[in-house]
Every structure is written in structure tokens, then in C-alpha cells.
Amino acid sequence: MAEWSIAAVLKTAIPLYGIGGSNPSPSAKLENNVNDYIKYGVGLAVTAVIFLVLWRMGYVGRLRKYIEDTQEELRKCTWPTVQELKGSTAVVMVTMFLLGGYVIGIDFILTLVVNVLNNLNKGA
């Protein structure tokens, strides 16, 4: 007869996932570390190959040129002063409060209209 309980399930699941339980042997730890290093090495090699292919195709040079052009354009921009920024922020905040009040008002009015229509339909 099979033992079906949470304890039995946990006894079988804990060693599988390395949760608690006994410590793995040093050789198992070494094997896990080697496997992790191999995975990292393969990932690094794939990344390097992709980078080299993109470099040979000219994408890396184009990306560098794009970044340089963007920096040059940003130097040409005129940035707002602190006072202008505060004024713009205040305008945005007031506009948002007005818009929010408008939406709440319209919602309230439409809710009243729908409730009145529902009451008329129930009475008929």
C-alpha cells in the first residue's frame, strides 16, 4: 500500500530539488560547479560570436555612430531652467486635476441618469 501524505511527498521531493535534507557529497558539488562553468562558458562564447558577427557586418560601428550623433544633438538642445520646469509641472498638475474632476462629474451625472432610467423601467 502506498503512503500518501504531505510528509511522504516532501520526503521524495526534497532530495530532488536540493531543498534542505542532507548535504551533497563534495564530488557532487564539484560536478555541479563544473556544469555551471561549462554553461557560463558556452553562453559567453555564443555572446562573443554574435558580437563578432555583428561587428563584421558593421552594426557595432553604426551603433557607435548613432550614439555619437545622439550625444551631439543633445548638446544642441536647450534645456528648461528650474523655474520653467516648475511652471510646466504646475500647469500639468492643474490640468490633470481639472480633467479628473470633469471625468468624475460626467461619471456621476451618467450614473444618476442610468439609475433614474432603471427605476422608470422597474416601475412600468
Protein backbone atom coordinates (compact mmCIF):
# COMPACT_ATOMS: atom_id res chain seq x y z
CA MET A 1 0.00 0.00 0.00
CA ALA A 2 1.39 3.37 -1.00
CA GLU A 3 1.83 6.05 1.62
CA TRP A 4 0.04 9.20 0.50
CA SER A 5 0.68 12.17 2.72
CA ILE A 6 2.35 15.54 2.59
CA ALA A 7 5.28 14.15 4.56
CA ALA A 8 5.78 11.32 2.07
CA VAL A 9 5.66 13.70 -0.88
CA LEU A 10 8.13 16.07 0.78
CA LYS A 11 10.48 13.20 1.63
CA THR A 12 10.70 12.34 -2.05
CA ALA A 13 10.72 15.93 -3.39
CA ILE A 14 13.33 17.45 -1.07
CA PRO A 15 16.30 15.42 -2.31
CA LEU A 16 15.29 16.01 -5.93
CA TYR A 17 15.37 19.79 -5.66
CA GLY A 18 18.17 20.11 -3.12
CA ILE A 19 15.95 21.73 -0.51
CA GLY A 20 17.20 21.05 2.97
CA GLY A 21 17.94 17.42 3.71
CA SER A 22 21.46 16.02 3.72
CA ASN A 23 24.39 17.88 2.20
CA PRO A 24 25.53 16.64 -1.21
CA SER A 25 28.91 14.98 -1.41
CA PRO A 26 31.97 17.06 -2.38
CA SER A 27 32.19 15.28 -5.73
CA ALA A 28 28.55 16.18 -6.49
CA LYS A 29 29.27 19.82 -5.59
CA LEU A 30 32.34 19.81 -7.85
CA GLU A 31 30.32 18.29 -10.69
CA ASN A 32 27.61 20.95 -10.27
CA ASN A 33 30.23 23.71 -10.28
CA VAL A 34 31.88 22.32 -13.41
CA ASN A 35 28.48 22.08 -15.13
CA ASP A 36 27.74 25.69 -14.19
CA TYR A 37 31.12 26.85 -15.52
CA ILE A 38 30.52 24.99 -18.77
CA LYS A 39 27.11 26.67 -19.14
CA TYR A 40 28.62 30.10 -18.46
CA GLY A 41 31.47 29.43 -20.87
CA VAL A 42 29.12 28.35 -23.65
CA GLY A 43 26.94 31.41 -23.04
CA LEU A 44 29.97 33.69 -23.13
CA ALA A 45 31.23 32.05 -26.32
CA VAL A 46 27.83 32.42 -28.03
CA THR A 47 27.69 36.08 -26.97
CA ALA A 48 31.20 36.67 -28.30
CA VAL A 49 30.38 35.02 -31.63
CA ILE A 50 27.21 37.11 -32.00
CA PHE A 51 29.17 40.28 -31.17
CA LEU A 52 31.88 39.42 -33.70
CA VAL A 53 29.33 38.68 -36.42
CA LEU A 54 27.54 41.97 -35.76
CA TRP A 55 30.88 43.80 -35.74
CA ARG A 56 31.91 42.29 -39.08
CA MET A 57 28.55 43.25 -40.58
CA GLY A 58 29.05 46.84 -39.44
CA TYR A 59 26.24 47.02 -36.90
CA VAL A 60 28.56 47.85 -34.00
CA GLY A 61 30.07 50.77 -35.94
CA ARG A 62 26.61 52.03 -36.84
CA LEU A 63 25.52 51.80 -33.21
CA ARG A 64 28.61 53.78 -32.13
CA LYS A 65 27.87 56.42 -34.81
CA TYR A 66 24.23 56.61 -33.67
CA ILE A 67 25.28 57.17 -30.05
CA GLU A 68 27.78 59.86 -31.06
CA ASP A 69 25.16 61.64 -33.20
CA THR A 70 22.64 61.45 -30.37
CA GLN A 71 25.11 62.98 -27.92
CA GLU A 72 25.86 65.76 -30.40
CA GLU A 73 22.15 66.53 -30.84
CA LEU A 74 21.59 66.53 -27.08
CA ARG A 75 24.36 69.13 -26.68
CA LYS A 76 22.47 71.38 -29.12
CA CYS A 77 19.21 71.16 -27.14
CA THR A 78 18.10 73.99 -24.92
CA TRP A 79 17.10 72.64 -21.55
CA PRO A 80 14.47 74.36 -19.40
CA THR A 81 15.51 76.32 -16.35
CA VAL A 82 14.34 75.25 -12.92
CA GLN A 83 11.67 77.98 -12.92
CA GLU A 84 10.36 76.92 -16.35
CA LEU A 85 10.27 73.31 -15.19
CA LYS A 86 8.32 74.24 -12.05
CA GLY A 87 5.84 76.26 -14.12
CA SER A 88 5.30 73.44 -16.60
CA THR A 89 4.85 70.95 -13.78
CA ALA A 90 2.23 73.16 -12.15
CA VAL A 91 0.35 73.51 -15.45
CA VAL A 92 0.35 69.75 -15.94
CA MET A 93 -0.85 69.10 -12.38
CA VAL A 94 -3.69 71.67 -12.61
CA THR A 95 -4.74 70.27 -15.99
CA MET A 96 -4.80 66.72 -14.60
CA PHE A 97 -6.92 67.77 -11.61
CA LEU A 98 -9.37 69.60 -13.91
CA LEU A 99 -9.57 66.62 -16.24
CA GLY A 100 -10.06 64.24 -13.30
CA GLY A 101 -12.84 66.44 -11.91
CA TYR A 102 -14.51 66.55 -15.32
CA VAL A 103 -14.42 62.75 -15.66
CA ILE A 104 -15.76 62.28 -12.11
CA GLY A 105 -18.56 64.79 -12.78
CA ILE A 106 -19.61 63.17 -16.06
CA ASP A 107 -19.50 59.73 -14.43
CA PHE A 108 -21.68 60.95 -11.57
CA ILE A 109 -24.23 62.51 -13.93
CA LEU A 110 -24.38 59.42 -16.17
CA THR A 111 -24.79 57.18 -13.11
CA LEU A 112 -27.75 59.29 -11.97
CA VAL A 113 -29.34 59.13 -15.44
CA VAL A 114 -28.90 55.35 -15.65
CA ASN A 115 -30.36 54.88 -12.15
CA VAL A 116 -33.40 57.03 -12.99
CA LEU A 117 -33.97 55.07 -16.23
CA ASN A 118 -33.68 51.77 -14.36
CA ASN A 119 -36.20 52.94 -11.77
CA LEU A 120 -38.61 54.02 -14.53
CA ASN A 121 -38.28 50.61 -16.24
CA LYS A 122 -38.87 48.75 -12.97
CA GLY A 123 -41.98 50.81 -12.22
CA ALA A 124 -43.52 50.14 -15.65
